[in-house]
C-alpha cells in the first residue's frame, strides 16, 4: 500500500473514532438526561394523563400533556410540538366524516383555589384547552368539556402535570345532533336575564357558586356564537344623589363587562348602560326592596 493510501486511511480512522466518541460522550449523555428528566416526572406521586386518545378510528399517544400552575386554569405556554401534532391529526380525523365529538375533561385537586367563573377549576382548565383547540381550527360544536375534582394529582414545583384527558363521545354517530340540542337548550335558558346583586354603594361583587354557574353559561354562549351580543344594565336604589346613582349603576355594569373580558369575551360583544334608580323592581321604602334594586341585569337581546 502506498504512503498516500496509508495517509487517507489514517484520516478515515480519525473521523470514525471522533464520531464514536461524540456519540458516547455527547449524544448518549443528552439522551440519558432526557430519560432521567422523564423518569423524574414518572416517579412523582399522583395521577397523570398523557396526551393520548384511543378511539374507534383514531389512535395517538405522546407522553407530554398540558401543564398548569397550581390554582390556575391557564396552561403554561407554549404547548409541546407532540401535543400540537396530536391536535392537527385530530382535526383531520374529525373532518373525514360527520357524527364525531371529543370530550375534554379537566381535573383539579380539592386544595386548589378556583379563581375562575366556572363551577370548578377542572372545568375551567377544560374550557381553556377547548379554546386552544378552537384556535388551532377545531369546530367548537364538536367539543364538549367536563370538570372533575380529585384528591391528588402529580405536581412538580407547584406545576400541575397533565390534568386533562381526552375521549370520544359514547355515541359518536349522534354527536352533532346532541351538541346542537345542547346549544339550543342553553339559548332557551338564557332568555331569562342573569341578575347580580350589590351591597350599598359598591360597584364590585364576589360571585357565589350559583352566580358563577350562570356567568359560565353566558361565557359559553358568547364563545360559541360569533354573532351573539350581550347587554349589561346597572341599577341602584333611590338613596342619595341621583347623578351619583347613575354613575354607580354604570360602574356596576362596567365591572361585569371587565370580568367577562378577563374570561376571554370580546369587548365588542358587550354593551353597557345605567338606569340608576329609574327602574326599580321592588319597594324602595324597605331594606329588602332596596337590596333587590341594587342590581346589574345581563341579557342577550
C-alpha atoms as a PDB file:
ATOM      1  CA  UNK A   1       0.000   0.000   0.000  1.00  0.00           C
ATOM      2  CA  UNK A   2       1.348   3.409  -0.935  1.00  0.00           C
ATOM      3  CA  UNK A   3       2.184   6.124   1.531  1.00  0.00           C
ATOM      4  CA  UNK A   4      -0.716   8.214   0.230  1.00  0.00           C
ATOM      5  CA  UNK A   5      -3.172   5.324   0.814  1.00  0.00           C
ATOM      6  CA  UNK A   6      -1.962   4.912   4.369  1.00  0.00           C
ATOM      7  CA  UNK A   7      -2.406   8.650   4.855  1.00  0.00           C
ATOM      8  CA  UNK A   8      -6.053   8.589   3.645  1.00  0.00           C
ATOM      9  CA  UNK A   9      -6.793   5.507   5.713  1.00  0.00           C
ATOM     10  CA  UNK A  10      -5.471   7.271   8.800  1.00  0.00           C
ATOM     11  CA  UNK A  11      -7.756  10.254   8.156  1.00  0.00           C
ATOM     12  CA  UNK A  12     -10.802   7.955   7.848  1.00  0.00           C
ATOM     13  CA  UNK A  13      -9.921   6.188  11.093  1.00  0.00           C
ATOM     14  CA  UNK A  14      -9.613   9.526  12.899  1.00  0.00           C
ATOM     15  CA  UNK A  15     -13.039  10.649  11.580  1.00  0.00           C
ATOM     16  CA  UNK A  16     -14.620   7.323  12.607  1.00  0.00           C
ATOM     17  CA  UNK A  17     -13.071   7.488  16.077  1.00  0.00           C
ATOM     18  CA  UNK A  18     -14.321  11.070  16.500  1.00  0.00           C
ATOM     19  CA  UNK A  19     -17.858  10.094  15.538  1.00  0.00           C
ATOM     20  CA  UNK A  20     -17.855   7.237  18.039  1.00  0.00           C
ATOM     21  CA  UNK A  21     -16.509   9.435  20.826  1.00  0.00           C
ATOM     22  CA  UNK A  22     -19.077  12.161  20.011  1.00  0.00           C
ATOM     23  CA  UNK A  23     -21.916   9.672  20.261  1.00  0.00           C
ATOM     24  CA  UNK A  24     -20.856   8.243  23.601  1.00  0.00           C
ATOM     25  CA  UNK A  25     -19.789  11.459  25.280  1.00  0.00           C
ATOM     26  CA  UNK A  26     -22.398  13.843  23.856  1.00  0.00           C
ATOM     27  CA  UNK A  27     -25.446  12.155  22.329  1.00  0.00           C
ATOM     28  CA  UNK A  28     -25.525   9.401  24.924  1.00  0.00           C
ATOM     29  CA  UNK A  29     -25.242  11.962  27.701  1.00  0.00           C
ATOM     30  CA  UNK A  30     -28.089  14.039  26.192  1.00  0.00           C
ATOM     31  CA  UNK A  31     -30.347  11.011  25.787  1.00  0.00           C
ATOM     32  CA  UNK A  32     -29.519   9.922  29.315  1.00  0.00           C
ATOM     33  CA  UNK A  33     -30.511  13.369  30.535  1.00  0.00           C
ATOM     34  CA  UNK A  34     -33.797  13.140  28.636  1.00  0.00           C
ATOM     35  CA  UNK A  35     -34.528   9.750  30.121  1.00  0.00           C
ATOM     36  CA  UNK A  36     -33.715  10.981  33.604  1.00  0.00           C
ATOM     37  CA  UNK A  37     -35.987  14.002  33.083  1.00  0.00           C
ATOM     38  CA  UNK A  38     -38.874  11.762  32.034  1.00  0.00           C
ATOM     39  CA  UNK A  39     -38.164   9.333  34.843  1.00  0.00           C
ATOM     40  CA  UNK A  40     -38.194  12.212  37.296  1.00  0.00           C
ATOM     41  CA  UNK A  41     -41.767  13.041  36.279  1.00  0.00           C
ATOM     42  CA  UNK A  42     -42.847   9.406  36.234  1.00  0.00           C
ATOM     43  CA  UNK A  43     -41.681   8.788  39.795  1.00  0.00           C
ATOM     44  CA  UNK A  44     -43.673  11.727  41.190  1.00  0.00           C
ATOM     45  CA  UNK A  45     -46.798  10.703  43.098  1.00  0.00           C
ATOM     46  CA  UNK A  46     -50.356  11.412  41.963  1.00  0.00           C
ATOM     47  CA  UNK A  47     -52.448  10.821  38.860  1.00  0.00           C
ATOM     48  CA  UNK A  48     -51.220  11.871  35.425  1.00  0.00           C
ATOM     49  CA  UNK A  49     -52.743  11.795  31.932  1.00  0.00           C
ATOM     50  CA  UNK A  50     -50.583  11.830  28.797  1.00  0.00           C
ATOM     51  CA  UNK A  51     -51.922  13.440  25.627  1.00  0.00           C
ATOM     52  CA  UNK A  52     -53.462  10.309  24.139  1.00  0.00           C
ATOM     53  CA  UNK A  53     -56.665   9.096  22.558  1.00  0.00           C
ATOM     54  CA  UNK A  54     -57.638   5.593  21.552  1.00  0.00           C
ATOM     55  CA  UNK A  55     -60.845   5.834  19.550  1.00  0.00           C
ATOM     56  CA  UNK A  56     -62.718   3.766  17.012  1.00  0.00           C
ATOM     57  CA  UNK A  57     -60.660   5.015  14.062  1.00  0.00           C
ATOM     58  CA  UNK A  58     -58.074   7.201  15.764  1.00  0.00           C
ATOM     59  CA  UNK A  59     -55.034   6.288  17.821  1.00  0.00           C
ATOM     60  CA  UNK A  60     -52.463   8.741  19.124  1.00  0.00           C
ATOM     61  CA  UNK A  61     -50.128   8.792  22.094  1.00  0.00           C
ATOM     62  CA  UNK A  62     -47.454  11.104  23.406  1.00  0.00           C
ATOM     63  CA  UNK A  63     -46.220  11.267  26.967  1.00  0.00           C
ATOM     64  CA  UNK A  64     -46.384  15.059  27.075  1.00  0.00           C
ATOM     65  CA  UNK A  65     -49.551  16.953  28.053  1.00  0.00           C
ATOM     66  CA  UNK A  66     -50.631  20.448  29.087  1.00  0.00           C
ATOM     67  CA  UNK A  67     -49.253  21.785  32.362  1.00  0.00           C
ATOM     68  CA  UNK A  68     -50.858  24.345  34.663  1.00  0.00           C
ATOM     69  CA  UNK A  69     -49.632  26.486  37.552  1.00  0.00           C
ATOM     70  CA  UNK A  70     -51.314  25.438  40.779  1.00  0.00           C
ATOM     71  CA  UNK A  71     -54.628  27.274  41.353  1.00  0.00           C
ATOM     72  CA  UNK A  72     -54.681  28.495  37.722  1.00  0.00           C
ATOM     73  CA  UNK A  73     -56.780  27.467  34.718  1.00  0.00           C
ATOM     74  CA  UNK A  74     -54.443  28.807  32.013  1.00  0.00           C
ATOM     75  CA  UNK A  75     -51.875  26.286  30.794  1.00  0.00           C
ATOM     76  CA  UNK A  76     -48.183  27.087  30.502  1.00  0.00           C
ATOM     77  CA  UNK A  77     -47.231  28.279  27.026  1.00  0.00           C
ATOM     78  CA  UNK A  78     -46.072  27.102  24.605  1.00  0.00           C
ATOM     79  CA  UNK A  79     -47.739  23.726  24.139  1.00  0.00           C
ATOM     80  CA  UNK A  80     -45.332  20.969  23.113  1.00  0.00           C
ATOM     81  CA  UNK A  81     -44.827  20.008  19.469  1.00  0.00           C
ATOM     82  CA  UNK A  82     -46.163  16.497  20.120  1.00  0.00           C
ATOM     83  CA  UNK A  83     -49.379  18.000  21.547  1.00  0.00           C
ATOM     84  CA  UNK A  84     -49.859  20.269  18.528  1.00  0.00           C
ATOM     85  CA  UNK A  85     -49.226  17.306  16.219  1.00  0.00           C
ATOM     86  CA  UNK A  86     -51.930  15.343  18.017  1.00  0.00           C
ATOM     87  CA  UNK A  87     -54.415  18.214  17.702  1.00  0.00           C
ATOM     88  CA  UNK A  88     -53.693  18.584  13.972  1.00  0.00           C
ATOM     89  CA  UNK A  89     -54.250  14.860  13.446  1.00  0.00           C
ATOM     90  CA  UNK A  90     -57.497  15.008  15.430  1.00  0.00           C
ATOM     91  CA  UNK A  91     -58.782  17.885  13.289  1.00  0.00           C
ATOM     92  CA  UNK A  92     -58.048  15.907  10.118  1.00  0.00           C
ATOM     93  CA  UNK A  93     -59.772  12.851  11.584  1.00  0.00           C
ATOM     94  CA  UNK A  94     -62.893  14.764  12.604  1.00  0.00           C
ATOM     95  CA  UNK A  95     -63.094  16.342   9.157  1.00  0.00           C
ATOM     96  CA  UNK A  96     -63.320  12.932   7.490  1.00  0.00           C
ATOM     97  CA  UNK A  97     -66.957  12.453   8.396  1.00  0.00           C
ATOM     98  CA  UNK A  98     -69.879  13.745  10.485  1.00  0.00           C
ATOM     99  CA  UNK A  99     -71.103  12.424  13.804  1.00  0.00           C
ATOM    100  CA  UNK A 100     -67.984  12.775  15.939  1.00  0.00           C
ATOM    101  CA  UNK A 101     -67.399  14.610  19.192  1.00  0.00           C
ATOM    102  CA  UNK A 102     -64.441  14.966  21.512  1.00  0.00           C
ATOM    103  CA  UNK A 103     -64.885  15.164  25.282  1.00  0.00           C
ATOM    104  CA  UNK A 104     -62.201  17.116  27.162  1.00  0.00           C
ATOM    105  CA  UNK A 105     -62.105  16.549  30.914  1.00  0.00           C
ATOM    106  CA  UNK A 106     -60.115  18.845  33.171  1.00  0.00           C
ATOM    107  CA  UNK A 107     -59.012  17.942  36.693  1.00  0.00           C
ATOM    108  CA  UNK A 108     -58.122  19.865  39.833  1.00  0.00           C
ATOM    109  CA  UNK A 109     -57.370  18.922  43.409  1.00  0.00           C
ATOM    110  CA  UNK A 110     -59.541  19.750  46.378  1.00  0.00           C
ATOM    111  CA  UNK A 111     -56.953  22.072  47.860  1.00  0.00           C
ATOM    112  CA  UNK A 112     -56.645  24.240  44.738  1.00  0.00           C
ATOM    113  CA  UNK A 113     -58.451  27.601  44.746  1.00  0.00           C
ATOM    114  CA  UNK A 114     -60.987  28.162  41.988  1.00  0.00           C
ATOM    115  CA  UNK A 115     -60.185  31.625  40.598  1.00  0.00           C
ATOM    116  CA  UNK A 116     -62.366  31.148  37.523  1.00  0.00           C
ATOM    117  CA  UNK A 117     -66.043  31.816  36.842  1.00  0.00           C
ATOM    118  CA  UNK A 118     -66.645  28.101  36.229  1.00  0.00           C
ATOM    119  CA  UNK A 119     -68.108  25.696  38.811  1.00  0.00           C
ATOM    120  CA  UNK A 120     -64.678  24.173  39.475  1.00  0.00           C
ATOM    121  CA  UNK A 121     -61.086  24.693  38.374  1.00  0.00           C
ATOM    122  CA  UNK A 122     -61.029  21.426  36.405  1.00  0.00           C
ATOM    123  CA  UNK A 123     -63.939  22.640  34.270  1.00  0.00           C
ATOM    124  CA  UNK A 124     -62.140  25.949  33.678  1.00  0.00           C
ATOM    125  CA  UNK A 125     -58.997  24.089  32.569  1.00  0.00           C
ATOM    126  CA  UNK A 126     -61.020  22.011  30.114  1.00  0.00           C
ATOM    127  CA  UNK A 127     -62.621  25.184  28.711  1.00  0.00           C
ATOM    128  CA  UNK A 128     -59.204  26.811  28.287  1.00  0.00           C
ATOM    129  CA  UNK A 129     -57.922  23.745  26.420  1.00  0.00           C
ATOM    130  CA  UNK A 130     -61.072  23.820  24.307  1.00  0.00           C
ATOM    131  CA  UNK A 131     -60.320  27.436  23.356  1.00  0.00           C
ATOM    132  CA  UNK A 132     -56.832  26.357  22.311  1.00  0.00           C
ATOM    133  CA  UNK A 133     -58.245  23.547  20.153  1.00  0.00           C
ATOM    134  CA  UNK A 134     -60.604  26.059  18.524  1.00  0.00           C
ATOM    135  CA  UNK A 135     -57.709  28.466  17.866  1.00  0.00           C
ATOM    136  CA  UNK A 136     -55.997  25.604  16.028  1.00  0.00           C
ATOM    137  CA  UNK A 137     -59.048  25.104  13.779  1.00  0.00           C
ATOM    138  CA  UNK A 138     -61.223  22.626  15.702  1.00  0.00           C
ATOM    139  CA  UNK A 139     -65.001  23.034  15.273  1.00  0.00           C
ATOM    140  CA  UNK A 140     -66.282  24.172  18.726  1.00  0.00           C
ATOM    141  CA  UNK A 141     -69.624  22.390  18.233  1.00  0.00           C
ATOM    142  CA  UNK A 142     -67.747  19.070  18.269  1.00  0.00           C
ATOM    143  CA  UNK A 143     -66.063  19.729  21.604  1.00  0.00           C
ATOM    144  CA  UNK A 144     -67.604  19.021  24.997  1.00  0.00           C
ATOM    145  CA  UNK A 145     -65.993  19.894  28.329  1.00  0.00           C
ATOM    146  CA  UNK A 146     -66.224  18.405  31.808  1.00  0.00           C
ATOM    147  CA  UNK A 147     -64.532  19.120  35.122  1.00  0.00           C
ATOM    148  CA  UNK A 148     -63.673  16.790  37.990  1.00  0.00           C
ATOM    149  CA  UNK A 149     -62.270  17.407  41.460  1.00  0.00           C
ATOM    150  CA  UNK A 150     -59.859  14.759  42.739  1.00  0.00           C
ATOM    151  CA  UNK A 151     -57.920  14.164  45.948  1.00  0.00           C
ATOM    152  CA  UNK A 152     -54.429  14.397  44.449  1.00  0.00           C
ATOM    153  CA  UNK A 153     -52.565  14.969  41.195  1.00  0.00           C
ATOM    154  CA  UNK A 154     -48.983  14.792  40.055  1.00  0.00           C
ATOM    155  CA  UNK A 155     -47.203  18.086  40.679  1.00  0.00           C
ATOM    156  CA  UNK A 156     -43.664  19.422  40.438  1.00  0.00           C
ATOM    157  CA  UNK A 157     -42.644  22.810  41.850  1.00  0.00           C
ATOM    158  CA  UNK A 158     -46.316  23.900  42.070  1.00  0.00           C
ATOM    159  CA  UNK A 159     -46.893  22.913  38.423  1.00  0.00           C
ATOM    160  CA  UNK A 160     -49.818  20.548  37.866  1.00  0.00           C
ATOM    161  CA  UNK A 161     -48.762  17.958  35.272  1.00  0.00           C
ATOM    162  CA  UNK A 162     -51.231  16.717  32.664  1.00  0.00           C
ATOM    163  CA  UNK A 163     -54.599  17.338  34.416  1.00  0.00           C
ATOM    164  CA  UNK A 164     -56.543  16.867  31.164  1.00  0.00           C
ATOM    165  CA  UNK A 165     -57.900  13.753  29.445  1.00  0.00           C
ATOM    166  CA  UNK A 166     -59.495  13.223  26.030  1.00  0.00           C
ATOM    167  CA  UNK A 167     -62.136  10.753  24.844  1.00  0.00           C
ATOM    168  CA  UNK A 168     -64.543  10.168  22.001  1.00  0.00           C
ATOM    169  CA  UNK A 169     -68.218  10.584  22.892  1.00  0.00           C
ATOM    170  CA  UNK A 170     -70.011   7.345  23.785  1.00  0.00           C
ATOM    171  CA  UNK A 171     -72.437   7.798  20.879  1.00  0.00           C
ATOM    172  CA  UNK A 172     -70.354   9.459  18.151  1.00  0.00           C
ATOM    173  CA  UNK A 173     -72.983   8.941  15.432  1.00  0.00           C
ATOM    174  CA  UNK A 174     -75.389  11.200  17.294  1.00  0.00           C
ATOM    175  CA  UNK A 175     -72.794  13.703  18.459  1.00  0.00           C
ATOM    176  CA  UNK A 176     -73.626  16.526  16.075  1.00  0.00           C
ATOM    177  CA  UNK A 177     -77.357  16.399  16.818  1.00  0.00           C
ATOM    178  CA  UNK A 178     -76.746  16.184  20.576  1.00  0.00           C
ATOM    179  CA  UNK A 179     -74.373  19.119  20.503  1.00  0.00           C
ATOM    180  CA  UNK A 180     -76.858  21.250  18.564  1.00  0.00           C
ATOM    181  CA  UNK A 181     -79.618  20.341  21.020  1.00  0.00           C
ATOM    182  CA  UNK A 182     -77.415  21.402  23.926  1.00  0.00           C
ATOM    183  CA  UNK A 183     -76.771  24.831  22.406  1.00  0.00           C
ATOM    184  CA  UNK A 184     -80.473  25.321  21.685  1.00  0.00           C
ATOM    185  CA  UNK A 185     -81.259  24.426  25.296  1.00  0.00           C
ATOM    186  CA  UNK A 186     -78.636  26.881  26.543  1.00  0.00           C
ATOM    187  CA  UNK A 187     -80.045  29.642  24.335  1.00  0.00           C
ATOM    188  CA  UNK A 188     -83.515  28.987  25.724  1.00  0.00           C
ATOM    189  CA  UNK A 189     -82.144  29.041  29.266  1.00  0.00           C
ATOM    190  CA  UNK A 190     -80.531  32.451  28.700  1.00  0.00           C
ATOM    191  CA  UNK A 191     -83.829  34.009  27.661  1.00  0.00           C
ATOM    192  CA  UNK A 192     -84.064  34.759  31.386  1.00  0.00           C
ATOM    193  CA  UNK A 193     -81.599  37.559  32.232  1.00  0.00           C
ATOM    194  CA  UNK A 194     -78.794  36.902  34.691  1.00  0.00           C
ATOM    195  CA  UNK A 195     -79.020  39.255  37.684  1.00  0.00           C
ATOM    196  CA  UNK A 196     -76.199  40.101  40.089  1.00  0.00           C
ATOM    197  CA  UNK A 197     -76.916  41.968  43.341  1.00  0.00           C
ATOM    198  CA  UNK A 198     -74.638  44.535  45.009  1.00  0.00           C
ATOM    199  CA  UNK A 199     -74.139  45.875  48.510  1.00  0.00           C
ATOM    200  CA  UNK A 200     -74.800  49.535  49.357  1.00  0.00           C
ATOM    201  CA  UNK A 201     -72.562  51.952  47.388  1.00  0.00           C
ATOM    202  CA  UNK A 202     -70.462  49.083  45.996  1.00  0.00           C
ATOM    203  CA  UNK A 203     -69.681  48.546  42.312  1.00  0.00           C
ATOM    204  CA  UNK A 204     -67.973  45.163  42.685  1.00  0.00           C
ATOM    205  CA  UNK A 205     -69.269  41.819  43.849  1.00  0.00           C
ATOM    206  CA  UNK A 206     -67.818  38.404  44.713  1.00  0.00           C
ATOM    207  CA  UNK A 207     -69.788  35.770  42.820  1.00  0.00           C
ATOM    208  CA  UNK A 208     -71.244  32.826  44.700  1.00  0.00           C
ATOM    209  CA  UNK A 209     -71.346  29.332  43.137  1.00  0.00           C
ATOM    210  CA  UNK A 210     -74.818  29.831  41.623  1.00  0.00           C
ATOM    211  CA  UNK A 211     -73.842  33.160  40.053  1.00  0.00           C
ATOM    212  CA  UNK A 212     -70.614  31.642  38.708  1.00  0.00           C
ATOM    213  CA  UNK A 213     -72.622  28.913  37.009  1.00  0.00           C
ATOM    214  CA  UNK A 214     -74.923  31.468  35.378  1.00  0.00           C
ATOM    215  CA  UNK A 215     -71.982  33.571  34.158  1.00  0.00           C
ATOM    216  CA  UNK A 216     -70.364  30.389  32.824  1.00  0.00           C
ATOM    217  CA  UNK A 217     -73.442  29.783  30.672  1.00  0.00           C
ATOM    218  CA  UNK A 218     -73.194  33.329  29.307  1.00  0.00           C
ATOM    219  CA  UNK A 219     -69.487  32.886  28.500  1.00  0.00           C
ATOM    220  CA  UNK A 220     -70.077  29.547  26.770  1.00  0.00           C
ATOM    221  CA  UNK A 221     -72.903  31.028  24.706  1.00  0.00           C
ATOM    222  CA  UNK A 222     -70.919  34.072  23.583  1.00  0.00           C
ATOM    223  CA  UNK A 223     -67.874  31.911  22.805  1.00  0.00           C
ATOM    224  CA  UNK A 224     -69.886  29.550  20.623  1.00  0.00           C
ATOM    225  CA  UNK A 225     -71.990  32.048  18.653  1.00  0.00           C
ATOM    226  CA  UNK A 226     -69.822  34.648  16.842  1.00  0.00           C
ATOM    227  CA  UNK A 227     -72.766  36.999  16.222  1.00  0.00           C
ATOM    228  CA  UNK A 228     -74.121  36.905  19.784  1.00  0.00           C
ATOM    229  CA  UNK A 229     -74.173  40.174  21.732  1.00  0.00           C
ATOM    230  CA  UNK A 230     -74.625  40.999  25.397  1.00  0.00           C
ATOM    231  CA  UNK A 231     -76.392  43.898  27.109  1.00  0.00           C
ATOM    232  CA  UNK A 232     -75.489  44.835  30.682  1.00  0.00           C
ATOM    233  CA  UNK A 233     -77.568  47.412  32.578  1.00  0.00           C
ATOM    234  CA  UNK A 234     -76.671  48.729  36.032  1.00  0.00           C
ATOM    235  CA  UNK A 235     -79.324  49.747  38.574  1.00  0.00           C
ATOM    236  CA  UNK A 236     -79.365  51.313  42.054  1.00  0.00           C
ATOM    237  CA  UNK A 237     -81.837  52.051  44.821  1.00  0.00           C
ATOM    238  CA  UNK A 238     -83.057  55.634  45.315  1.00  0.00           C
ATOM    239  CA  UNK A 239     -80.834  56.560  48.263  1.00  0.00           C
ATOM    240  CA  UNK A 240     -78.523  59.533  47.841  1.00  0.00           C
ATOM    241  CA  UNK A 241     -77.749  61.825  44.919  1.00  0.00           C
ATOM    242  CA  UNK A 242     -79.407  60.971  41.592  1.00  0.00           C
ATOM    243  CA  UNK A 243     -76.384  61.690  39.373  1.00  0.00           C
ATOM    244  CA  UNK A 244     -74.088  59.668  41.632  1.00  0.00           C
ATOM    245  CA  UNK A 245     -76.534  56.766  41.453  1.00  0.00           C
ATOM    246  CA  UNK A 246     -76.499  56.875  37.662  1.00  0.00           C
ATOM    247  CA  UNK A 247     -72.698  56.723  37.745  1.00  0.00           C
ATOM    248  CA  UNK A 248     -72.804  53.923  40.320  1.00  0.00           C
ATOM    249  CA  UNK A 249     -75.103  51.921  38.044  1.00  0.00           C
ATOM    250  CA  UNK A 250     -72.665  52.440  35.163  1.00  0.00           C
ATOM    251  CA  UNK A 251     -69.746  51.349  37.359  1.00  0.00           C
ATOM    252  CA  UNK A 252     -71.613  48.153  38.236  1.00  0.00           C
ATOM    253  CA  UNK A 253     -72.260  47.383  34.579  1.00  0.00           C
ATOM    254  CA  UNK A 254     -68.630  48.144  33.678  1.00  0.00           C
ATOM    255  CA  UNK A 255     -67.425  45.822  36.451  1.00  0.00           C
ATOM    256  CA  UNK A 256     -69.327  42.903  34.928  1.00  0.00           C
ATOM    257  CA  UNK A 257     -68.037  43.805  31.462  1.00  0.00           C
ATOM    258  CA  UNK A 258     -64.422  43.830  32.716  1.00  0.00           C
ATOM    259  CA  UNK A 259     -64.999  40.488  34.407  1.00  0.00           C
ATOM    260  CA  UNK A 260     -66.230  38.913  31.161  1.00  0.00           C
ATOM    261  CA  UNK A 261     -63.360  40.411  29.156  1.00  0.00           C
ATOM    262  CA  UNK A 262     -60.918  38.814  31.607  1.00  0.00           C
ATOM    263  CA  UNK A 263     -62.594  35.488  30.848  1.00  0.00           C
ATOM    264  CA  UNK A 264     -61.910  35.889  27.134  1.00  0.00           C
ATOM    265  CA  UNK A 265     -65.071  37.582  25.822  1.00  0.00           C
ATOM    266  CA  UNK A 266     -64.527  40.175  23.072  1.00  0.00           C
ATOM    267  CA  UNK A 267     -65.278  43.675  24.401  1.00  0.00           C
ATOM    268  CA  UNK A 268     -67.050  44.472  21.128  1.00  0.00           C
ATOM    269  CA  UNK A 269     -69.763  41.955  22.016  1.00  0.00           C
ATOM    270  CA  UNK A 270     -70.728  43.775  25.210  1.00  0.00           C
ATOM    271  CA  UNK A 271     -72.804  46.957  25.554  1.00  0.00           C
ATOM    272  CA  UNK A 272     -73.258  48.633  28.951  1.00  0.00           C
ATOM    273  CA  UNK A 273     -75.578  51.319  30.277  1.00  0.00           C
ATOM    274  CA  UNK A 274     -77.072  52.606  33.525  1.00  0.00           C
ATOM    275  CA  UNK A 275     -80.645  53.251  34.599  1.00  0.00           C
ATOM    276  CA  UNK A 276     -79.605  54.457  38.056  1.00  0.00           C
ATOM    277  CA  UNK A 277     -82.703  54.455  40.324  1.00  0.00           C
ATOM    278  CA  UNK A 278     -85.183  54.927  37.466  1.00  0.00           C
ATOM    279  CA  UNK A 279     -86.364  51.303  37.037  1.00  0.00           C
ATOM    280  CA  UNK A 280     -86.882  49.747  40.484  1.00  0.00           C
ATOM    281  CA  UNK A 281     -88.275  46.224  40.693  1.00  0.00           C
ATOM    282  CA  UNK A 282     -89.129  46.424  44.385  1.00  0.00           C
ATOM    283  CA  UNK A 283     -90.299  48.929  47.003  1.00  0.00           C
ATOM    284  CA  UNK A 284     -87.525  51.409  47.853  1.00  0.00           C
ATOM    285  CA  UNK A 285     -89.128  52.158  51.225  1.00  0.00           C
ATOM    286  CA  UNK A 286     -87.900  48.849  52.705  1.00  0.00           C
ATOM    287  CA  UNK A 287     -84.375  47.453  53.155  1.00  0.00           C
ATOM    288  CA  UNK A 288     -85.385  44.258  51.336  1.00  0.00           C
ATOM    289  CA  UNK A 289     -86.727  46.242  48.398  1.00  0.00           C
ATOM    290  CA  UNK A 290     -83.614  48.414  48.159  1.00  0.00           C
ATOM    291  CA  UNK A 291     -81.422  45.264  48.126  1.00  0.00           C
ATOM    292  CA  UNK A 292     -83.357  43.916  45.123  1.00  0.00           C
ATOM    293  CA  UNK A 293     -82.952  47.210  43.269  1.00  0.00           C
ATOM    294  CA  UNK A 294     -79.158  47.300  43.686  1.00  0.00           C
ATOM    295  CA  UNK A 295     -78.521  45.039  40.720  1.00  0.00           C
ATOM    296  CA  UNK A 296     -76.955  44.518  37.318  1.00  0.00           C
ATOM    297  CA  UNK A 297     -79.030  42.803  34.626  1.00  0.00           C
ATOM    298  CA  UNK A 298     -77.194  40.755  31.995  1.00  0.00           C
ATOM    299  CA  UNK A 299     -79.241  39.808  28.960  1.00  0.00           C
ATOM    300  CA  UNK A 300     -78.810  38.535  25.411  1.00  0.00           C
ATOM    301  CA  UNK A 301     -81.009  40.565  23.024  1.00  0.00           C
END
